[in-house]
N, C-alpha and C. Protein backbone atom coordinates (compact mmCIF):
# COMPACT_ATOMS: atom_id res chain seq x y z
N MET A 1 18.85 12.95 34.01
CA MET A 1 18.95 12.82 32.61
C MET A 1 19.63 11.50 32.22
N GLU A 2 20.59 11.04 33.02
CA GLU A 2 21.30 9.82 32.76
C GLU A 2 20.37 8.62 32.81
N LYS A 3 19.40 8.59 33.77
CA LYS A 3 18.48 7.50 33.86
C LYS A 3 17.62 7.38 32.58
N PHE A 4 17.20 8.52 32.07
CA PHE A 4 16.37 8.52 30.88
C PHE A 4 17.15 7.96 29.69
N SER A 5 18.42 8.27 29.56
CA SER A 5 19.27 7.78 28.46
C SER A 5 19.46 6.26 28.62
N LEU A 6 19.69 5.77 29.84
CA LEU A 6 19.84 4.38 30.09
C LEU A 6 18.57 3.62 29.76
N TRP A 7 17.42 4.21 30.13
CA TRP A 7 16.14 3.60 29.84
C TRP A 7 15.92 3.47 28.33
N ASN A 8 16.27 4.52 27.59
CA ASN A 8 16.17 4.49 26.13
C ASN A 8 17.02 3.37 25.51
N LYS A 9 18.23 3.23 26.03
CA LYS A 9 19.10 2.15 25.55
C LYS A 9 18.51 0.75 25.85
N ILE A 10 17.99 0.59 27.04
CA ILE A 10 17.38 -0.68 27.40
C ILE A 10 16.18 -0.93 26.48
N THR A 11 15.37 0.06 26.25
CA THR A 11 14.22 -0.08 25.39
C THR A 11 14.64 -0.44 23.95
N ASP A 12 15.65 0.24 23.45
CA ASP A 12 16.18 -0.08 22.12
C ASP A 12 16.68 -1.49 22.00
N ILE A 13 17.40 -1.95 23.01
CA ILE A 13 17.89 -3.32 23.04
C ILE A 13 16.77 -4.33 23.06
N PHE A 14 15.76 -4.07 23.89
CA PHE A 14 14.63 -4.96 23.94
C PHE A 14 13.89 -4.98 22.59
N SER A 15 13.71 -3.87 21.94
CA SER A 15 13.03 -3.86 20.65
C SER A 15 13.85 -4.65 19.62
N TRP A 16 15.17 -4.48 19.64
CA TRP A 16 15.97 -5.24 18.73
C TRP A 16 15.88 -6.76 18.99
N LEU A 17 15.96 -7.16 20.23
CA LEU A 17 15.83 -8.60 20.58
C LEU A 17 14.46 -9.14 20.15
N ARG A 18 13.43 -8.36 20.39
CA ARG A 18 12.08 -8.77 20.04
C ARG A 18 11.97 -8.98 18.54
N SER A 19 12.61 -8.09 17.75
CA SER A 19 12.53 -8.19 16.27
C SER A 19 13.25 -9.46 15.78
N LEU A 20 14.23 -9.96 16.53
CA LEU A 20 14.92 -11.22 16.15
C LEU A 20 14.05 -12.43 16.32
N PHE A 21 13.18 -12.44 17.30
CA PHE A 21 12.49 -13.67 17.67
C PHE A 21 10.99 -13.67 17.41
N PHE A 22 10.38 -12.50 17.28
CA PHE A 22 8.94 -12.45 17.15
C PHE A 22 8.53 -11.88 15.79
N ASN A 23 7.35 -12.31 15.42
CA ASN A 23 6.79 -11.84 14.15
C ASN A 23 6.19 -10.48 14.26
N LYS A 24 6.14 -9.82 13.13
CA LYS A 24 5.49 -8.53 13.03
C LYS A 24 4.18 -8.69 12.23
N GLU A 25 3.14 -8.06 12.66
CA GLU A 25 1.90 -8.10 11.93
C GLU A 25 1.56 -6.75 11.34
N LEU A 26 1.19 -6.78 10.06
CA LEU A 26 0.80 -5.54 9.38
C LEU A 26 -0.53 -5.72 8.72
N GLU A 27 -1.42 -4.77 8.95
CA GLU A 27 -2.72 -4.76 8.29
C GLU A 27 -2.61 -3.74 7.17
N LEU A 28 -2.92 -4.15 5.93
CA LEU A 28 -2.81 -3.30 4.78
C LEU A 28 -4.18 -3.20 4.09
N SER A 29 -4.54 -2.01 3.71
CA SER A 29 -5.76 -1.78 2.91
C SER A 29 -5.29 -1.43 1.50
N ILE A 30 -5.74 -2.22 0.55
CA ILE A 30 -5.31 -2.03 -0.86
C ILE A 30 -6.51 -1.55 -1.66
N LEU A 31 -6.38 -0.32 -2.19
CA LEU A 31 -7.51 0.22 -2.93
C LEU A 31 -7.05 1.05 -4.13
N GLY A 32 -8.00 1.47 -4.90
CA GLY A 32 -7.75 2.19 -6.11
C GLY A 32 -8.93 1.95 -7.05
N LEU A 33 -8.98 2.63 -8.18
CA LEU A 33 -10.07 2.45 -9.12
C LEU A 33 -10.11 1.04 -9.70
N GLN A 34 -11.26 0.64 -10.24
CA GLN A 34 -11.41 -0.65 -10.82
C GLN A 34 -10.37 -0.83 -11.97
N ASN A 35 -9.88 -2.03 -12.09
CA ASN A 35 -8.94 -2.44 -13.15
C ASN A 35 -7.53 -1.83 -12.95
N ALA A 36 -7.19 -1.35 -11.78
CA ALA A 36 -5.85 -0.87 -11.55
C ALA A 36 -4.84 -1.96 -11.27
N GLY A 37 -5.31 -3.09 -10.81
CA GLY A 37 -4.42 -4.25 -10.56
C GLY A 37 -4.28 -4.59 -9.05
N LYS A 38 -5.28 -4.20 -8.26
CA LYS A 38 -5.20 -4.43 -6.82
C LYS A 38 -5.17 -5.95 -6.49
N THR A 39 -6.11 -6.68 -7.00
CA THR A 39 -6.18 -8.10 -6.71
C THR A 39 -5.00 -8.82 -7.32
N THR A 40 -4.54 -8.38 -8.49
CA THR A 40 -3.34 -8.95 -9.10
C THR A 40 -2.14 -8.73 -8.20
N PHE A 41 -2.03 -7.56 -7.63
CA PHE A 41 -0.95 -7.25 -6.69
C PHE A 41 -0.97 -8.19 -5.45
N VAL A 42 -2.16 -8.38 -4.92
CA VAL A 42 -2.33 -9.27 -3.77
C VAL A 42 -1.88 -10.72 -4.15
N ASN A 43 -2.34 -11.15 -5.34
CA ASN A 43 -1.98 -12.51 -5.79
C ASN A 43 -0.47 -12.66 -6.04
N VAL A 44 0.15 -11.60 -6.53
CA VAL A 44 1.62 -11.63 -6.79
C VAL A 44 2.34 -11.69 -5.46
N LEU A 45 1.88 -10.92 -4.46
CA LEU A 45 2.48 -11.00 -3.14
C LEU A 45 2.36 -12.40 -2.52
N ALA A 46 1.20 -12.96 -2.70
CA ALA A 46 0.86 -14.27 -2.07
C ALA A 46 1.57 -15.43 -2.75
N ASN A 47 1.60 -15.35 -4.11
CA ASN A 47 2.04 -16.55 -4.88
C ASN A 47 3.30 -16.35 -5.67
N ASN A 48 3.87 -15.15 -5.65
CA ASN A 48 5.09 -14.82 -6.44
C ASN A 48 4.93 -15.14 -7.91
N LYS A 49 3.68 -15.03 -8.45
CA LYS A 49 3.50 -15.20 -9.87
C LYS A 49 2.30 -14.43 -10.33
N PHE A 50 2.28 -14.09 -11.61
CA PHE A 50 1.20 -13.33 -12.25
C PHE A 50 0.18 -14.32 -12.84
N ASP A 51 -1.10 -14.02 -12.62
CA ASP A 51 -2.18 -14.82 -13.16
C ASP A 51 -3.01 -13.94 -14.07
N GLU A 52 -3.04 -14.31 -15.33
CA GLU A 52 -3.78 -13.55 -16.35
C GLU A 52 -5.28 -13.49 -16.11
N ASP A 53 -5.82 -14.52 -15.42
CA ASP A 53 -7.27 -14.67 -15.29
C ASP A 53 -7.77 -14.24 -13.88
N THR A 54 -7.32 -13.06 -13.44
CA THR A 54 -7.77 -12.54 -12.14
C THR A 54 -9.18 -11.97 -12.30
N ILE A 55 -10.03 -12.35 -11.39
CA ILE A 55 -11.44 -11.90 -11.40
C ILE A 55 -11.51 -10.62 -10.58
N PRO A 56 -12.24 -9.56 -11.11
CA PRO A 56 -12.36 -8.31 -10.35
C PRO A 56 -13.01 -8.53 -9.01
N THR A 57 -12.59 -7.75 -8.06
CA THR A 57 -13.15 -7.81 -6.71
C THR A 57 -14.48 -7.10 -6.66
N ILE A 58 -15.49 -7.80 -6.11
CA ILE A 58 -16.79 -7.22 -5.88
C ILE A 58 -16.87 -7.06 -4.35
N GLY A 59 -16.89 -5.85 -3.87
CA GLY A 59 -16.93 -5.60 -2.42
C GLY A 59 -15.49 -5.63 -1.89
N PHE A 60 -15.09 -6.70 -1.25
CA PHE A 60 -13.75 -6.82 -0.72
C PHE A 60 -13.34 -8.28 -0.61
N ASN A 61 -12.01 -8.51 -0.60
CA ASN A 61 -11.44 -9.83 -0.34
C ASN A 61 -10.48 -9.62 0.84
N TYR A 62 -10.34 -10.63 1.65
CA TYR A 62 -9.41 -10.59 2.80
C TYR A 62 -8.46 -11.77 2.65
N LYS A 63 -7.19 -11.51 2.83
CA LYS A 63 -6.22 -12.56 2.74
C LYS A 63 -5.11 -12.36 3.73
N LYS A 64 -4.63 -13.47 4.35
CA LYS A 64 -3.47 -13.41 5.23
C LYS A 64 -2.35 -14.12 4.53
N LEU A 65 -1.13 -13.57 4.69
CA LEU A 65 0.03 -14.24 4.18
C LEU A 65 1.22 -13.86 5.01
N LYS A 66 2.19 -14.74 5.00
CA LYS A 66 3.40 -14.54 5.78
C LYS A 66 4.60 -14.55 4.89
N LYS A 67 5.43 -13.55 5.03
CA LYS A 67 6.69 -13.45 4.25
C LYS A 67 7.78 -13.18 5.31
N GLY A 68 8.65 -14.10 5.44
CA GLY A 68 9.70 -13.96 6.47
C GLY A 68 9.06 -13.89 7.87
N LYS A 69 9.40 -12.80 8.62
CA LYS A 69 8.85 -12.68 9.94
C LYS A 69 7.70 -11.68 9.97
N VAL A 70 7.11 -11.39 8.80
CA VAL A 70 6.03 -10.45 8.72
C VAL A 70 4.75 -11.17 8.26
N GLU A 71 3.70 -11.04 9.07
CA GLU A 71 2.40 -11.54 8.68
C GLU A 71 1.59 -10.38 8.17
N PHE A 72 1.11 -10.52 6.94
CA PHE A 72 0.33 -9.47 6.32
C PHE A 72 -1.18 -9.86 6.35
N LYS A 73 -2.00 -8.91 6.75
CA LYS A 73 -3.48 -9.00 6.70
C LYS A 73 -3.86 -8.06 5.63
N LEU A 74 -4.36 -8.56 4.49
CA LEU A 74 -4.64 -7.73 3.32
C LEU A 74 -6.14 -7.56 3.07
N TRP A 75 -6.57 -6.32 3.03
CA TRP A 75 -7.92 -5.98 2.65
C TRP A 75 -7.85 -5.47 1.19
N ASP A 76 -8.33 -6.26 0.25
CA ASP A 76 -8.37 -5.92 -1.15
C ASP A 76 -9.77 -5.37 -1.43
N LEU A 77 -9.86 -4.06 -1.63
CA LEU A 77 -11.19 -3.41 -1.75
C LEU A 77 -11.55 -3.12 -3.16
N GLY A 78 -12.81 -3.37 -3.46
CA GLY A 78 -13.35 -3.14 -4.80
C GLY A 78 -13.23 -1.69 -5.20
N GLY A 79 -12.93 -1.41 -6.48
CA GLY A 79 -12.71 -0.03 -6.93
C GLY A 79 -13.86 0.56 -7.68
N GLN A 80 -14.98 -0.17 -7.87
CA GLN A 80 -16.09 0.36 -8.57
C GLN A 80 -16.71 1.51 -7.73
N PRO A 81 -17.34 2.49 -8.38
CA PRO A 81 -17.89 3.65 -7.71
C PRO A 81 -18.78 3.33 -6.50
N ARG A 82 -19.54 2.25 -6.54
CA ARG A 82 -20.47 1.96 -5.45
C ARG A 82 -19.77 1.44 -4.21
N PHE A 83 -18.49 1.03 -4.32
CA PHE A 83 -17.75 0.56 -3.14
C PHE A 83 -16.83 1.62 -2.54
N ARG A 84 -16.59 2.70 -3.22
CA ARG A 84 -15.57 3.70 -2.75
C ARG A 84 -15.97 4.37 -1.44
N ASP A 85 -17.21 4.52 -1.17
CA ASP A 85 -17.65 5.10 0.10
C ASP A 85 -17.25 4.24 1.31
N SER A 86 -17.03 2.97 1.12
CA SER A 86 -16.70 2.07 2.25
C SER A 86 -15.16 1.97 2.44
N TRP A 87 -14.38 2.56 1.57
CA TRP A 87 -12.92 2.46 1.73
C TRP A 87 -12.43 2.94 3.08
N GLU A 88 -12.91 4.09 3.50
CA GLU A 88 -12.41 4.67 4.76
C GLU A 88 -12.52 3.72 5.95
N LYS A 89 -13.67 3.02 6.07
CA LYS A 89 -13.82 2.15 7.25
C LYS A 89 -12.83 1.01 7.27
N TYR A 90 -12.40 0.59 6.08
CA TYR A 90 -11.41 -0.53 6.04
C TYR A 90 -9.96 -0.01 6.21
N CYS A 91 -9.81 1.28 6.12
CA CYS A 91 -8.46 1.86 6.28
C CYS A 91 -8.19 2.36 7.71
N ARG A 92 -9.20 2.51 8.51
CA ARG A 92 -9.02 3.05 9.89
C ARG A 92 -8.00 2.32 10.73
N THR A 93 -7.94 1.03 10.61
CA THR A 93 -7.09 0.20 11.46
C THR A 93 -5.84 -0.29 10.72
N ALA A 94 -5.68 0.22 9.49
CA ALA A 94 -4.50 -0.24 8.64
C ALA A 94 -3.22 0.38 9.18
N ASN A 95 -2.14 -0.35 8.99
CA ASN A 95 -0.79 0.13 9.24
C ASN A 95 -0.30 0.91 8.04
N CYS A 96 -0.87 0.64 6.87
CA CYS A 96 -0.51 1.32 5.63
C CYS A 96 -1.68 1.22 4.66
N ILE A 97 -1.89 2.31 3.92
CA ILE A 97 -2.87 2.35 2.82
C ILE A 97 -2.04 2.21 1.56
N ILE A 98 -2.41 1.18 0.76
CA ILE A 98 -1.76 1.00 -0.54
C ILE A 98 -2.78 1.38 -1.62
N TYR A 99 -2.40 2.39 -2.36
CA TYR A 99 -3.31 2.93 -3.42
C TYR A 99 -2.72 2.55 -4.78
N VAL A 100 -3.39 1.73 -5.51
CA VAL A 100 -2.92 1.23 -6.81
C VAL A 100 -3.54 2.06 -7.93
N VAL A 101 -2.72 2.52 -8.82
CA VAL A 101 -3.10 3.35 -9.96
C VAL A 101 -2.68 2.62 -11.23
N ASP A 102 -3.55 2.56 -12.25
CA ASP A 102 -3.18 2.09 -13.55
C ASP A 102 -2.40 3.19 -14.22
N SER A 103 -1.08 3.07 -14.21
CA SER A 103 -0.22 4.18 -14.69
C SER A 103 -0.28 4.33 -16.22
N ALA A 104 -0.92 3.43 -16.91
CA ALA A 104 -1.06 3.55 -18.37
C ALA A 104 -2.42 4.13 -18.76
N ASP A 105 -3.33 4.29 -17.81
CA ASP A 105 -4.66 4.79 -18.05
C ASP A 105 -4.69 6.32 -17.70
N ILE A 106 -4.11 7.11 -18.52
CA ILE A 106 -3.93 8.53 -18.26
C ILE A 106 -5.33 9.20 -18.07
N GLY A 107 -6.31 8.74 -18.82
CA GLY A 107 -7.65 9.34 -18.74
C GLY A 107 -8.32 9.18 -17.38
N ASN A 108 -7.89 8.20 -16.55
CA ASN A 108 -8.49 8.00 -15.23
C ASN A 108 -7.63 8.47 -14.09
N ILE A 109 -6.45 8.98 -14.37
CA ILE A 109 -5.61 9.42 -13.24
C ILE A 109 -6.19 10.58 -12.47
N ASP A 110 -6.85 11.48 -13.14
CA ASP A 110 -7.50 12.59 -12.42
C ASP A 110 -8.58 12.08 -11.49
N VAL A 111 -9.38 11.12 -11.92
CA VAL A 111 -10.44 10.55 -11.11
C VAL A 111 -9.79 9.85 -9.92
N SER A 112 -8.72 9.16 -10.17
CA SER A 112 -8.00 8.42 -9.12
C SER A 112 -7.47 9.39 -8.09
N LYS A 113 -6.90 10.53 -8.54
CA LYS A 113 -6.35 11.57 -7.62
C LYS A 113 -7.48 12.08 -6.72
N LYS A 114 -8.62 12.40 -7.32
CA LYS A 114 -9.74 12.96 -6.57
C LYS A 114 -10.24 11.95 -5.52
N GLN A 115 -10.30 10.66 -5.89
CA GLN A 115 -10.77 9.66 -4.94
C GLN A 115 -9.75 9.53 -3.76
N LEU A 116 -8.46 9.57 -4.09
CA LEU A 116 -7.45 9.48 -3.04
C LEU A 116 -7.49 10.67 -2.10
N GLN A 117 -7.59 11.88 -2.69
CA GLN A 117 -7.68 13.06 -1.88
C GLN A 117 -8.90 13.04 -0.94
N GLN A 118 -10.01 12.60 -1.48
CA GLN A 118 -11.24 12.50 -0.70
C GLN A 118 -11.05 11.54 0.48
N LEU A 119 -10.45 10.42 0.22
CA LEU A 119 -10.16 9.39 1.24
C LEU A 119 -9.23 9.98 2.32
N LEU A 120 -8.12 10.59 1.93
CA LEU A 120 -7.14 11.08 2.89
C LEU A 120 -7.66 12.28 3.68
N ALA A 121 -8.72 12.91 3.23
CA ALA A 121 -9.27 14.06 3.98
C ALA A 121 -9.98 13.58 5.26
N SER A 122 -10.23 12.30 5.42
CA SER A 122 -10.90 11.75 6.62
C SER A 122 -9.91 11.84 7.81
N SER A 123 -10.35 12.46 8.88
CA SER A 123 -9.54 12.60 10.06
C SER A 123 -9.19 11.26 10.72
N SER A 124 -9.98 10.25 10.47
CA SER A 124 -9.75 8.92 11.10
C SER A 124 -8.53 8.24 10.46
N LEU A 125 -8.06 8.75 9.34
CA LEU A 125 -6.94 8.15 8.61
C LEU A 125 -5.63 8.96 8.78
N GLU A 126 -5.69 9.98 9.61
CA GLU A 126 -4.55 10.88 9.73
C GLU A 126 -3.33 10.13 10.19
N GLY A 127 -2.22 10.39 9.49
CA GLY A 127 -0.92 9.77 9.87
C GLY A 127 -0.64 8.39 9.35
N ILE A 128 -1.61 7.72 8.78
CA ILE A 128 -1.38 6.32 8.25
C ILE A 128 -0.53 6.46 6.99
N PRO A 129 0.60 5.72 6.98
CA PRO A 129 1.46 5.79 5.76
C PRO A 129 0.70 5.44 4.51
N LEU A 130 1.10 6.05 3.39
CA LEU A 130 0.50 5.84 2.08
C LEU A 130 1.57 5.30 1.12
N LEU A 131 1.25 4.23 0.46
CA LEU A 131 2.13 3.65 -0.56
C LEU A 131 1.32 3.70 -1.89
N VAL A 132 1.77 4.47 -2.86
CA VAL A 132 1.10 4.56 -4.17
C VAL A 132 1.88 3.72 -5.13
N LEU A 133 1.17 2.80 -5.78
CA LEU A 133 1.80 1.93 -6.77
C LEU A 133 1.29 2.26 -8.14
N GLY A 134 2.15 2.71 -9.03
CA GLY A 134 1.78 2.92 -10.41
C GLY A 134 1.99 1.60 -11.17
N ASN A 135 0.92 0.85 -11.29
CA ASN A 135 0.97 -0.49 -11.87
C ASN A 135 0.96 -0.39 -13.41
N LYS A 136 1.34 -1.49 -14.01
CA LYS A 136 1.32 -1.66 -15.48
C LYS A 136 2.39 -0.87 -16.17
N ASN A 137 3.54 -0.73 -15.53
CA ASN A 137 4.64 -0.01 -16.18
C ASN A 137 5.23 -0.77 -17.37
N ASP A 138 4.71 -1.96 -17.62
CA ASP A 138 5.14 -2.73 -18.80
C ASP A 138 4.48 -2.24 -20.07
N LEU A 139 3.46 -1.40 -19.93
CA LEU A 139 2.75 -0.88 -21.08
C LEU A 139 3.43 0.42 -21.59
N GLU A 140 3.39 0.60 -22.87
CA GLU A 140 4.15 1.66 -23.53
C GLU A 140 3.79 3.06 -23.03
N ASN A 141 2.56 3.33 -22.78
CA ASN A 141 2.17 4.69 -22.39
C ASN A 141 2.06 4.92 -20.87
N ALA A 142 2.68 4.01 -20.08
CA ALA A 142 2.63 4.17 -18.63
C ALA A 142 3.54 5.31 -18.21
N VAL A 143 3.10 6.05 -17.19
CA VAL A 143 3.92 7.17 -16.64
C VAL A 143 4.84 6.60 -15.55
N ASN A 144 5.97 7.28 -15.39
CA ASN A 144 6.98 6.85 -14.39
C ASN A 144 6.59 7.40 -13.03
N GLU A 145 7.41 7.10 -12.01
CA GLU A 145 7.11 7.53 -10.61
C GLU A 145 7.02 9.05 -10.53
N GLU A 146 7.97 9.76 -11.17
CA GLU A 146 8.01 11.23 -11.05
C GLU A 146 6.69 11.83 -11.66
N LYS A 147 6.35 11.36 -12.83
CA LYS A 147 5.14 11.89 -13.48
C LYS A 147 3.89 11.51 -12.69
N LEU A 148 3.82 10.30 -12.16
CA LEU A 148 2.70 9.88 -11.35
C LEU A 148 2.58 10.77 -10.11
N THR A 149 3.72 11.03 -9.47
CA THR A 149 3.74 11.90 -8.29
C THR A 149 3.17 13.27 -8.66
N ASP A 150 3.52 13.82 -9.81
CA ASP A 150 3.02 15.14 -10.20
C ASP A 150 1.53 15.07 -10.54
N LEU A 151 1.12 14.07 -11.31
CA LEU A 151 -0.28 14.00 -11.73
C LEU A 151 -1.21 13.73 -10.54
N MET A 152 -0.76 12.95 -9.60
CA MET A 152 -1.56 12.64 -8.40
C MET A 152 -1.39 13.71 -7.26
N GLU A 153 -0.53 14.66 -7.51
CA GLU A 153 -0.26 15.75 -6.53
C GLU A 153 0.14 15.20 -5.16
N LEU A 154 0.98 14.14 -5.20
CA LEU A 154 1.40 13.43 -3.99
C LEU A 154 2.39 14.29 -3.14
N SER A 155 3.09 15.23 -3.72
CA SER A 155 4.01 16.03 -2.94
C SER A 155 3.28 17.03 -2.07
N THR A 156 1.98 17.21 -2.24
CA THR A 156 1.19 18.11 -1.38
C THR A 156 0.79 17.40 -0.07
N ILE A 157 0.93 16.12 0.03
CA ILE A 157 0.51 15.36 1.18
C ILE A 157 1.62 15.48 2.25
N LYS A 158 1.29 16.11 3.38
CA LYS A 158 2.29 16.42 4.39
C LYS A 158 2.06 15.73 5.70
N ASP A 159 0.87 15.11 5.92
CA ASP A 159 0.54 14.58 7.27
C ASP A 159 0.85 13.09 7.42
N ARG A 160 1.65 12.56 6.52
CA ARG A 160 1.94 11.11 6.60
C ARG A 160 3.14 10.78 5.69
N THR A 161 3.74 9.63 5.91
CA THR A 161 4.79 9.13 5.02
C THR A 161 4.13 8.71 3.74
N VAL A 162 4.75 9.12 2.62
CA VAL A 162 4.25 8.76 1.30
C VAL A 162 5.41 8.15 0.47
N ALA A 163 5.16 7.00 -0.13
CA ALA A 163 6.13 6.37 -1.04
C ALA A 163 5.43 6.08 -2.33
N VAL A 164 6.18 6.12 -3.41
CA VAL A 164 5.64 5.87 -4.77
C VAL A 164 6.56 4.89 -5.49
N TYR A 165 5.95 3.85 -6.05
CA TYR A 165 6.75 2.91 -6.83
C TYR A 165 6.05 2.65 -8.16
N SER A 166 6.81 2.57 -9.22
CA SER A 166 6.32 2.17 -10.51
C SER A 166 6.52 0.65 -10.59
N ILE A 167 5.44 -0.10 -10.79
CA ILE A 167 5.53 -1.56 -10.77
C ILE A 167 4.86 -2.20 -12.01
N SER A 168 5.16 -3.43 -12.22
CA SER A 168 4.44 -4.26 -13.17
C SER A 168 4.18 -5.56 -12.46
N CYS A 169 2.91 -5.83 -12.14
CA CYS A 169 2.59 -7.14 -11.53
C CYS A 169 2.84 -8.23 -12.55
N LYS A 170 2.56 -7.93 -13.79
CA LYS A 170 2.73 -8.94 -14.87
C LYS A 170 4.18 -9.38 -14.98
N ASN A 171 5.12 -8.47 -14.94
CA ASN A 171 6.52 -8.76 -15.11
C ASN A 171 7.26 -8.85 -13.79
N MET A 172 6.55 -8.68 -12.67
CA MET A 172 7.17 -8.69 -11.32
C MET A 172 8.18 -7.58 -11.09
N THR A 173 8.05 -6.49 -11.87
CA THR A 173 8.98 -5.37 -11.78
C THR A 173 8.74 -4.57 -10.51
N ASN A 174 9.79 -4.41 -9.72
CA ASN A 174 9.81 -3.58 -8.49
C ASN A 174 9.03 -4.18 -7.35
N ILE A 175 8.48 -5.34 -7.46
CA ILE A 175 7.64 -5.98 -6.39
C ILE A 175 8.55 -6.23 -5.20
N GLU A 176 9.74 -6.68 -5.38
CA GLU A 176 10.67 -6.94 -4.23
C GLU A 176 10.95 -5.64 -3.46
N ASN A 177 11.12 -4.52 -4.16
CA ASN A 177 11.38 -3.26 -3.51
C ASN A 177 10.18 -2.76 -2.72
N VAL A 178 8.98 -2.99 -3.23
CA VAL A 178 7.75 -2.67 -2.57
C VAL A 178 7.67 -3.52 -1.25
N PHE A 179 7.95 -4.77 -1.39
CA PHE A 179 7.94 -5.66 -0.21
C PHE A 179 8.94 -5.22 0.84
N LYS A 180 10.13 -4.80 0.45
CA LYS A 180 11.14 -4.30 1.38
C LYS A 180 10.65 -3.06 2.07
N TRP A 181 9.98 -2.16 1.32
CA TRP A 181 9.43 -0.93 1.94
C TRP A 181 8.37 -1.30 2.98
N LEU A 182 7.48 -2.22 2.59
CA LEU A 182 6.42 -2.61 3.49
C LEU A 182 6.95 -3.22 4.80
N GLN A 183 8.04 -3.93 4.73
CA GLN A 183 8.61 -4.54 5.95
C GLN A 183 9.05 -3.46 6.94
N LYS A 184 9.34 -2.26 6.46
CA LYS A 184 9.78 -1.20 7.35
C LYS A 184 8.66 -0.43 7.98
N VAL A 185 7.39 -0.68 7.56
CA VAL A 185 6.22 0.00 8.11
C VAL A 185 6.08 -0.44 9.53
N LYS A 186 5.79 0.50 10.41
CA LYS A 186 5.64 0.17 11.85
C LYS A 186 4.28 -0.46 12.07
N SER A 187 4.29 -1.50 12.90
CA SER A 187 2.99 -2.06 13.27
C SER A 187 2.47 -1.28 14.47
N LYS A 188 1.16 -1.37 14.66
CA LYS A 188 0.52 -0.61 15.70
C LYS A 188 0.58 -1.32 17.04
């Protein structure tokens, strides 16, 4: 038993040293219904600023960016109905699925919930952490994290880590906290 404990300590020290000198790579799949703010979120992560003239994604966009010692590989997936069937294949190799919801569009939250549940039912995505972002919290009728969690039935998800943040890409609200959470996601 003592050898096993010593081995664990050596492994922990090696992991710590590796984290000091080597970069971490994370592959993230960013999805949600159209007009939720997925591409805007990617642009805010990449450029640290909001751009009013973001063009909707048709199909997918791929972007690499580096923040500190973390290199992010971002799949920004189109949210139109014709692209939703392809979401699963872009999520299979992801370290985290980021699901963006327009938290001010109450009429579409039920559709968004159904799309997310359908996606997470795929056995190929089992255990992949889920980050739900309620975007557009700068709008008056936006729901907060607690209400979004209830409406999306996120507390029923038990087979993975789930985090929820209320954000505003426009005002950069909570973006730094999202980034800090993402840095803690384990790479494969």
